Amino acid sequence: MSGMKSFLFSLFLVLCVNASLFAESGGNPDQLATTDSINRVQKADSVKPVDLVDYIVKIFNITKPEEKRSNRKVRFTLFPTTSTSGKTSFTSFNASFLLGGDESNTNRSTVYFYPYIGFGGQYGFDVQSFLWYPKNSWNFIGEYFIHNYPQETWGLGGNSPEDHETLIDYRQFRFHQKSLKEIWPHFFAGAGYSLDQHFNIQVEEGEMNEHFSSYFPDKNSTSSGVVLPVKYDSRRNSVNPKQGFMVDLTLTFFSPALGSDDKWQSLFLDVRKYFPILTRNPGILALRSYYWTVLSGNAPFLDLPAVRWEPTPGQSSRGIQQNRYRSNAILDFESEYRFGITDNGFWGGVVFGSVTSASQYDTQQFMYWHPAGGVGVRMKFNKYSDANIGFDVAVSKGFVNVYLFIGEAF
């Protein structure tokens, strides 16, 4: 009973904090949409926006590129990045385009492709897709990957000790697909499918091996289930949000009837809010929180909620090592201030902080909180899709890491 009370309190806290943020903005999606393009401040000052391609064109003296770029239907971004763990070398490919309609009533669709190879035996490829049909009538969200992914783990709970560090080697296949139909303006509901398979799970020999081996009786695991998502999203550009409010609630029901090893259910709640700050070099105050938990049943160890493994796009908990905390529930709060450095929009900067907690295992008691924070710079790669290159340095107690990625953290 105490666990249920803690769960309800945590859920209530997340909803209340973010509902208050929405209320402060006035709660009017149409009004929020009018601030979609912060670049109008730059235009008012007669400063021409510049991106990396403009400098490349100038250096190599390429003739008449602007007209071709402005009329191009698909905007591409290709740049080396790092993985969410910070250990892996990526080449990140991003394509932004319209699936019909026009930019006044249809969000730009985005597809990411990450082929990668790392120094610790990690290799594979990821594909993430965010597709918007004309007038935002449908939203299709997918994540598909194949990984060979040896990685450290520290056990379960919010205060797992450093000396419990253990290497787990495995291969993973993921197929996640959600299809959402617009029911009311900015409000979507739908269904989907979730499949995660882990193969050839091997646990490093050591004092923790005996503890972990009880979670891997067959050295393989399969979680297969039906997804029921609902979402409110008034953002205009998910690659670089400058306004709007998003709340995404996803329930997943895993069942042996669909090939899952066990019957279990999970919930993921993600809330994000963006406040435009209209100065000479425009700024954005971005706030986010998420709650991820197993509602019932027995989830496989590698499918339990873990830091920087949340099933949503973006970078979370920068400064905390991926997989460092794992349990049946995780609660996270983050904030970031994004600001311009140059008038032409080419250089920008960010300052960010977060606090994350994993529950005491098999409870909803969040007793240990882990803060992290850092700074970063942004370079405009494509002024038409508004895609930035992000370079962040983040720290937490006993850990520091560098993150290089396309887009924004959230």
Protein backbone atom coordinates (compact mmCIF):
# COMPACT_ATOMS: atom_id res chain seq x y z
CA MET A 1 0.00 0.00 0.00
CA SER A 2 2.89 2.40 0.82
CA GLY A 3 4.42 1.65 -2.60
CA MET A 4 1.16 2.57 -4.34
CA LYS A 5 0.96 5.82 -2.37
CA SER A 6 4.53 6.69 -3.38
CA PHE A 7 3.72 5.90 -7.01
CA LEU A 8 0.66 8.15 -7.00
CA PHE A 9 2.57 10.93 -5.29
CA SER A 10 5.41 10.75 -7.84
CA LEU A 11 2.98 10.78 -10.75
CA PHE A 12 1.07 13.68 -9.20
CA LEU A 13 4.32 15.62 -8.72
CA VAL A 14 5.35 15.26 -12.36
CA LEU A 15 1.92 16.29 -13.64
CA CYS A 16 1.55 19.25 -11.30
CA VAL A 17 4.99 20.69 -11.97
CA ASN A 18 4.49 20.62 -15.72
CA ALA A 19 0.84 21.63 -15.65
CA SER A 20 1.88 24.77 -13.78
CA LEU A 21 4.48 25.51 -16.45
CA PHE A 22 1.80 25.22 -19.12
CA ALA A 23 -0.53 27.48 -17.19
CA GLU A 24 2.18 30.15 -16.88
CA SER A 25 2.50 30.25 -20.66
CA GLY A 26 -1.20 31.00 -21.03
CA GLY A 27 -2.01 27.53 -22.33
CA ASN A 28 -2.92 28.79 -25.82
CA PRO A 29 -1.38 26.56 -28.54
CA ASP A 30 -2.16 29.03 -31.32
CA GLN A 31 -0.45 31.81 -29.42
CA LEU A 32 2.56 29.56 -28.79
CA ALA A 33 2.78 28.72 -32.48
CA THR A 34 3.21 32.38 -33.38
CA THR A 35 6.62 32.34 -31.67
CA ASP A 36 7.78 29.38 -33.73
CA SER A 37 10.44 31.30 -35.63
CA ILE A 38 12.74 33.20 -33.32
CA ASN A 39 14.68 34.18 -36.43
CA ARG A 40 12.18 37.00 -37.05
CA VAL A 41 14.15 39.00 -34.46
CA GLN A 42 17.25 38.53 -36.56
CA LYS A 43 15.34 39.47 -39.70
CA ALA A 44 14.07 42.62 -38.04
CA ASP A 45 17.70 43.59 -37.39
CA SER A 46 18.53 42.89 -41.07
CA VAL A 47 21.05 40.21 -40.09
CA LYS A 48 21.13 37.37 -42.56
CA PRO A 49 21.07 33.90 -40.92
CA VAL A 50 24.20 31.85 -41.66
CA ASP A 51 24.95 28.14 -41.34
CA LEU A 52 27.93 25.84 -41.86
CA VAL A 53 27.01 25.21 -45.50
CA ASP A 54 27.22 28.96 -46.20
CA TYR A 55 30.83 29.00 -45.01
CA ILE A 56 31.67 25.91 -47.06
CA VAL A 57 30.11 27.55 -50.14
CA LYS A 58 32.19 30.67 -49.53
CA ILE A 59 35.45 28.77 -49.01
CA PHE A 60 35.03 26.66 -52.16
CA ASN A 61 33.46 29.49 -54.19
CA ILE A 62 30.36 27.48 -55.16
CA THR A 63 28.06 29.51 -57.43
CA LYS A 64 24.31 30.02 -56.99
CA PRO A 65 23.78 27.54 -54.12
CA GLU A 66 21.19 29.56 -52.17
CA GLU A 67 18.35 29.23 -54.66
CA LYS A 68 18.91 25.47 -54.93
CA ARG A 69 19.01 25.08 -51.14
CA SER A 70 15.91 27.20 -50.47
CA ASN A 71 13.86 25.17 -52.97
CA ARG A 72 15.13 21.78 -51.86
CA LYS A 73 12.40 19.55 -50.43
CA VAL A 74 14.72 17.42 -48.28
CA ARG A 75 17.29 18.98 -45.91
CA PHE A 76 20.24 16.75 -45.07
CA THR A 77 22.65 16.85 -42.15
CA LEU A 78 25.69 14.57 -41.89
CA PHE A 79 28.09 14.86 -38.99
CA PRO A 80 30.19 12.69 -36.62
CA THR A 81 28.56 12.31 -33.20
CA THR A 82 28.87 10.23 -30.04
CA SER A 83 26.52 7.61 -28.65
CA THR A 84 24.36 8.09 -25.57
CA SER A 85 27.07 6.31 -23.56
CA GLY A 86 29.69 8.73 -24.86
CA LYS A 87 32.03 5.83 -25.72
CA THR A 88 30.92 5.09 -29.25
CA SER A 89 31.85 6.76 -32.51
CA PHE A 90 28.85 7.66 -34.67
CA THR A 91 28.27 9.22 -38.02
CA SER A 92 24.83 10.76 -37.64
CA PHE A 93 22.70 11.27 -40.76
CA ASN A 94 19.63 13.47 -40.49
CA ALA A 95 17.02 14.17 -43.16
CA SER A 96 14.27 16.77 -42.68
CA PHE A 97 11.37 17.08 -45.13
CA LEU A 98 7.66 17.75 -45.62
CA LEU A 99 5.27 14.88 -46.43
CA GLY A 100 2.88 17.18 -48.28
CA GLY A 101 1.11 20.26 -47.04
CA ASP A 102 3.18 23.33 -46.22
CA GLU A 103 5.13 24.61 -43.23
CA SER A 104 2.25 26.80 -42.08
CA ASN A 105 0.14 23.75 -41.11
CA THR A 106 2.48 20.72 -41.21
CA ASN A 107 5.48 19.88 -39.01
CA ARG A 108 8.67 18.84 -40.76
CA SER A 109 9.31 15.09 -40.70
CA THR A 110 12.74 13.90 -39.55
CA VAL A 111 14.66 10.65 -39.97
CA TYR A 112 17.92 9.88 -38.15
CA PHE A 113 20.35 7.13 -39.14
CA TYR A 114 23.28 6.21 -36.85
CA PRO A 115 25.76 3.61 -38.07
CA TYR A 116 28.48 3.28 -35.43
CA ILE A 117 31.50 1.39 -34.16
CA GLY A 118 33.19 1.81 -30.81
CA PHE A 119 36.40 1.04 -29.00
CA GLY A 120 34.85 -1.32 -26.46
CA GLY A 121 33.36 -3.83 -28.91
CA GLN A 122 30.16 -1.83 -29.48
CA TYR A 123 28.83 -1.70 -33.03
CA GLY A 124 25.54 -1.62 -34.91
CA PHE A 125 23.12 0.89 -36.40
CA ASP A 126 20.06 2.85 -35.29
CA VAL A 127 17.19 4.38 -37.24
CA GLN A 128 14.73 6.85 -35.69
CA SER A 129 11.82 8.29 -37.64
CA PHE A 130 9.34 11.08 -36.83
CA LEU A 131 6.88 11.41 -39.70
CA TRP A 132 4.08 13.97 -39.97
CA TYR A 133 1.33 13.67 -42.56
CA PRO A 134 -0.19 16.81 -44.17
CA LYS A 135 -1.84 19.14 -41.66
CA ASN A 136 -0.41 16.90 -38.90
CA SER A 137 -3.29 14.49 -39.38
CA TRP A 138 -1.03 11.53 -38.47
CA ASN A 139 2.21 11.18 -36.56
CA PHE A 140 4.33 8.02 -36.96
CA ILE A 141 7.21 7.50 -34.51
CA GLY A 142 9.65 4.62 -34.91
CA GLU A 143 12.90 3.32 -33.47
CA TYR A 144 14.70 0.35 -34.96
CA PHE A 145 18.20 -0.91 -34.18
CA ILE A 146 20.60 -3.81 -34.03
CA HIS A 147 23.33 -3.59 -31.38
CA ASN A 148 26.32 -5.51 -30.16
CA TYR A 149 26.51 -3.69 -26.87
CA PRO A 150 28.88 -4.70 -24.06
CA GLN A 151 28.23 -2.29 -21.21
CA GLU A 152 28.81 -1.88 -17.49
CA THR A 153 26.00 -2.23 -14.97
CA TRP A 154 25.91 -1.63 -11.23
CA GLY A 155 22.88 -3.59 -10.16
CA LEU A 156 19.49 -2.35 -9.00
CA GLY A 157 18.26 0.55 -6.92
CA GLY A 158 19.00 4.22 -6.43
CA ASN A 159 22.24 3.83 -4.47
CA SER A 160 24.10 0.97 -6.16
CA PRO A 161 27.77 1.14 -5.08
CA GLU A 162 30.68 1.78 -7.45
CA ASP A 163 32.41 -1.51 -6.59
CA HIS A 164 29.42 -3.43 -8.01
CA GLU A 165 30.45 -2.41 -11.54
CA THR A 166 30.06 -5.46 -13.79
CA LEU A 167 30.38 -5.88 -17.54
CA ILE A 168 27.40 -7.39 -19.40
CA ASP A 169 27.90 -8.36 -23.03
CA TYR A 170 24.88 -8.91 -25.28
CA ARG A 171 23.29 -8.30 -28.65
CA GLN A 172 19.99 -6.50 -29.02
CA PHE A 173 17.32 -6.10 -31.67
CA ARG A 174 14.65 -3.41 -31.26
CA PHE A 175 11.51 -2.61 -33.24
CA HIS A 176 9.33 0.13 -31.76
CA GLN A 177 6.54 1.70 -33.81
CA LYS A 178 3.76 4.11 -32.77
CA SER A 179 0.99 5.45 -35.01
CA LEU A 180 -1.01 8.41 -33.69
CA LYS A 181 -4.06 10.12 -35.20
CA GLU A 182 -4.91 13.74 -34.45
CA ILE A 183 -8.20 13.76 -32.53
CA TRP A 184 -8.29 17.46 -31.63
CA PRO A 185 -5.81 20.22 -32.48
CA HIS A 186 -2.39 19.11 -31.15
CA PHE A 187 -3.90 16.07 -29.39
CA PHE A 188 -3.10 12.58 -30.70
CA ALA A 189 -4.00 9.00 -29.76
CA GLY A 190 -3.19 5.69 -31.36
CA ALA A 191 -1.55 2.30 -31.02
CA GLY A 192 1.73 0.57 -31.75
CA TYR A 193 4.01 -2.38 -31.21
CA SER A 194 7.15 -2.84 -29.10
CA LEU A 195 9.74 -5.61 -29.47
CA ASP A 196 13.06 -5.91 -27.65
CA GLN A 197 15.17 -9.05 -27.95
CA HIS A 198 18.49 -9.62 -26.18
CA PHE A 199 20.78 -12.46 -27.31
CA ASN A 200 23.92 -14.16 -26.00
CA ILE A 201 23.85 -12.38 -22.64
CA GLN A 202 27.15 -12.93 -20.83
CA VAL A 203 27.99 -11.55 -17.41
CA GLU A 204 31.57 -10.83 -16.42
CA GLU A 205 32.99 -13.16 -13.82
CA GLY A 206 33.18 -11.58 -10.40
CA GLU A 207 31.45 -11.20 -7.07
CA MET A 208 28.36 -9.71 -8.70
CA ASN A 209 28.04 -12.50 -11.28
CA GLU A 210 26.02 -14.70 -8.96
CA HIS A 211 23.61 -11.86 -8.26
CA PHE A 212 23.04 -11.01 -11.93
CA SER A 213 22.87 -14.59 -13.18
CA SER A 214 19.48 -15.06 -11.52
CA TYR A 215 18.07 -12.52 -14.01
CA PHE A 216 19.42 -14.37 -17.06
CA PRO A 217 18.43 -18.06 -16.78
CA ASP A 218 18.44 -18.64 -20.54
CA LYS A 219 20.97 -15.95 -21.59
CA ASN A 220 18.25 -14.53 -23.87
CA SER A 221 15.16 -12.39 -23.27
CA THR A 222 12.22 -11.21 -25.34
CA SER A 223 9.73 -8.47 -24.55
CA SER A 224 6.90 -8.15 -27.07
CA GLY A 225 3.79 -6.09 -26.53
CA VAL A 226 1.08 -3.69 -27.62
CA VAL A 227 1.65 0.05 -27.18
CA LEU A 228 -1.12 2.55 -26.38
CA PRO A 229 0.15 6.14 -26.71
CA VAL A 230 -1.55 9.50 -26.24
CA LYS A 231 0.20 12.79 -26.87
CA TYR A 232 -0.31 16.54 -26.83
CA ASP A 233 2.30 18.36 -28.91
CA SER A 234 2.14 22.03 -29.97
CA ARG A 235 5.82 22.23 -31.00
CA ARG A 236 6.53 23.14 -34.62
CA ASN A 237 10.01 21.66 -35.04
CA SER A 238 11.15 18.69 -32.95
CA VAL A 239 14.75 19.04 -34.23
CA ASN A 240 15.06 22.44 -32.55
CA PRO A 241 11.94 23.38 -30.55
CA LYS A 242 11.56 27.11 -29.93
CA GLN A 243 8.05 27.10 -28.48
CA GLY A 244 5.23 24.86 -27.39
CA PHE A 245 4.33 22.18 -24.93
CA MET A 246 4.48 18.40 -25.20
CA VAL A 247 3.17 15.65 -22.96
CA ASP A 248 3.52 12.04 -24.08
CA LEU A 249 1.99 9.13 -22.13
CA THR A 250 2.74 5.60 -23.33
CA LEU A 251 1.39 2.37 -21.84
CA THR A 252 2.89 -0.92 -23.04
CA PHE A 253 1.38 -4.36 -22.39
CA PHE A 254 3.81 -7.25 -22.90
CA SER A 255 2.26 -10.69 -23.33
CA PRO A 256 3.41 -14.28 -24.00
CA ALA A 257 0.64 -14.39 -26.62
CA LEU A 258 2.82 -12.01 -28.67
CA GLY A 259 6.06 -13.87 -27.98
CA SER A 260 7.10 -12.16 -24.77
CA ASP A 261 8.88 -14.26 -22.12
CA ASP A 262 6.66 -12.86 -19.37
CA LYS A 263 3.51 -10.85 -18.88
CA TRP A 264 4.27 -7.33 -17.65
CA GLN A 265 3.28 -3.68 -18.17
CA SER A 266 5.18 -0.40 -18.30
CA LEU A 267 4.36 3.31 -18.28
CA PHE A 268 6.40 6.19 -19.68
CA LEU A 269 5.39 9.82 -19.13
CA ASP A 270 7.43 12.56 -20.84
CA VAL A 271 6.65 16.28 -20.40
CA ARG A 272 8.48 19.18 -22.12
CA LYS A 273 7.91 22.96 -22.16
CA TYR A 274 9.71 25.74 -24.05
CA PHE A 275 9.71 29.45 -23.13
CA PRO A 276 10.96 31.85 -25.83
CA ILE A 277 13.01 34.76 -24.47
CA LEU A 278 13.02 37.46 -27.13
CA THR A 279 16.26 39.41 -26.77
CA ARG A 280 18.70 40.59 -29.43
CA ASN A 281 20.23 37.13 -29.50
CA PRO A 282 17.08 35.08 -28.76
CA GLY A 283 17.05 32.56 -25.94
CA ILE A 284 14.98 29.55 -24.97
CA LEU A 285 14.29 28.21 -21.48
CA ALA A 286 13.58 24.49 -21.97
CA LEU A 287 12.16 22.34 -19.16
CA ARG A 288 11.59 18.61 -19.11
CA SER A 289 10.68 15.78 -16.76
CA TYR A 290 9.91 12.11 -17.26
CA TYR A 291 8.63 9.22 -15.19
CA TRP A 292 9.31 5.64 -16.32
CA THR A 293 8.13 2.60 -14.39
CA VAL A 294 7.14 -1.05 -14.50
CA LEU A 295 3.50 -1.18 -13.43
CA SER A 296 3.24 -4.92 -12.83
CA GLY A 297 4.80 -8.25 -13.73
CA ASN A 298 8.42 -9.33 -14.12
CA ALA A 299 10.44 -7.30 -16.61
CA PRO A 300 13.76 -8.73 -17.87
CA PHE A 301 16.80 -7.09 -16.29
CA LEU A 302 17.90 -5.35 -19.51
CA ASP A 303 14.38 -3.98 -20.12
CA LEU A 304 14.05 -2.40 -16.68
CA PRO A 305 14.12 1.42 -16.60
CA ALA A 306 17.72 2.65 -16.67
CA VAL A 307 19.43 6.03 -16.92
CA ARG A 308 19.93 7.20 -20.54
CA TRP A 309 17.92 4.25 -21.91
CA GLU A 310 14.51 5.92 -21.83
CA PRO A 311 12.29 5.11 -24.85
CA THR A 312 12.12 8.64 -26.28
CA PRO A 313 14.27 10.80 -28.56
CA GLY A 314 16.93 13.11 -27.22
CA GLN A 315 19.69 13.28 -24.64
CA SER A 316 18.76 12.95 -20.97
CA SER A 317 20.77 13.02 -17.75
CA ARG A 318 23.90 14.32 -19.45
CA GLY A 319 26.77 13.89 -17.01
CA ILE A 320 25.53 10.57 -15.59
CA GLN A 321 26.97 7.42 -17.10
CA GLN A 322 24.56 5.40 -19.21
CA ASN A 323 23.11 2.44 -17.28
CA ARG A 324 24.58 3.74 -13.99
CA TYR A 325 21.22 3.47 -12.20
CA ARG A 326 18.59 0.85 -12.98
CA SER A 327 15.43 -0.12 -11.15
CA ASN A 328 11.70 -0.65 -11.61
CA ALA A 329 11.13 3.16 -11.73
CA ILE A 330 13.06 6.32 -12.65
CA LEU A 331 12.14 9.98 -12.14
CA ASP A 332 14.05 12.76 -13.91
CA PHE A 333 13.89 16.59 -13.98
CA GLU A 334 15.92 18.75 -16.38
CA SER A 335 16.29 22.38 -17.40
CA GLU A 336 18.36 24.10 -20.07
CA TYR A 337 18.89 27.70 -21.10
CA ARG A 338 19.73 28.13 -24.81
CA PHE A 339 21.07 31.45 -26.01
CA GLY A 340 22.51 33.03 -29.14
CA ILE A 341 26.13 34.16 -29.29
CA THR A 342 26.34 35.67 -32.77
CA ASP A 343 23.68 37.85 -34.40
CA ASN A 344 23.62 35.69 -37.54
CA GLY A 345 22.57 32.60 -35.54
CA PHE A 346 25.67 30.56 -36.39
CA TRP A 347 26.99 30.20 -32.82
CA GLY A 348 24.94 29.60 -29.70
CA GLY A 349 25.41 28.25 -26.21
CA VAL A 350 23.61 26.26 -23.53
CA VAL A 351 23.75 25.86 -19.76
CA PHE A 352 21.91 22.87 -18.31
CA GLY A 353 21.26 20.86 -15.17
CA SER A 354 19.34 17.76 -14.13
CA VAL A 355 18.48 15.60 -11.16
CA THR A 356 17.65 11.91 -11.53
CA SER A 357 16.48 9.22 -9.13
CA ALA A 358 16.03 5.47 -9.47
CA SER A 359 13.62 3.97 -6.94
CA GLN A 360 14.62 1.45 -4.34
CA TYR A 361 14.10 -1.77 -6.27
CA ASP A 362 10.56 -3.16 -6.34
CA THR A 363 9.18 0.00 -4.68
CA GLN A 364 8.20 3.55 -5.66
CA GLN A 365 10.46 5.09 -3.03
CA PHE A 366 12.86 7.66 -4.52
CA MET A 367 15.39 8.09 -1.73
CA TYR A 368 18.58 8.99 -3.62
CA TRP A 369 18.87 11.92 -6.05
CA HIS A 370 21.78 12.36 -8.45
CA PRO A 371 22.43 15.87 -9.83
CA ALA A 372 24.38 16.60 -13.00
CA GLY A 373 25.03 19.64 -15.15
CA GLY A 374 27.20 21.26 -17.75
CA VAL A 375 27.68 23.72 -20.58
CA GLY A 376 27.79 23.46 -24.35
CA VAL A 377 28.02 25.26 -27.67
CA ARG A 378 25.76 25.09 -30.72
CA MET A 379 26.76 25.52 -34.36
CA LYS A 380 24.08 26.03 -37.02
CA PHE A 381 24.45 23.24 -39.55
CA ASN A 382 21.32 23.86 -41.64
CA LYS A 383 19.41 27.14 -41.34
CA TYR A 384 16.44 25.78 -43.32
CA SER A 385 15.74 22.76 -41.08
CA ASP A 386 17.17 24.75 -38.10
CA ALA A 387 19.41 21.79 -37.24
CA ASN A 388 22.28 22.52 -34.86
CA ILE A 389 25.41 20.58 -34.01
CA GLY A 390 25.61 20.23 -30.22
CA PHE A 391 28.85 19.90 -28.26
CA ASP A 392 28.29 19.53 -24.50
CA VAL A 393 30.51 18.85 -21.51
CA ALA A 394 28.66 17.49 -18.47
CA VAL A 395 29.67 16.32 -15.00
CA SER A 396 28.24 14.53 -11.99
CA LYS A 397 29.85 13.10 -8.88
CA GLY A 398 32.84 11.04 -10.02
CA PHE A 399 32.03 11.27 -13.75
CA VAL A 400 32.61 13.68 -16.65
CA ASN A 401 31.72 13.19 -20.31
CA VAL A 402 31.57 14.92 -23.70
CA TYR A 403 28.49 14.69 -25.95
CA LEU A 404 28.37 15.49 -29.67
CA PHE A 405 25.00 15.24 -31.42
CA ILE A 406 22.65 16.70 -34.02
CA GLY A 407 19.65 18.71 -32.85
CA GLU A 408 18.91 19.58 -29.25
CA ALA A 409 19.00 17.44 -26.13
CA PHE A 410 15.20 17.61 -25.87
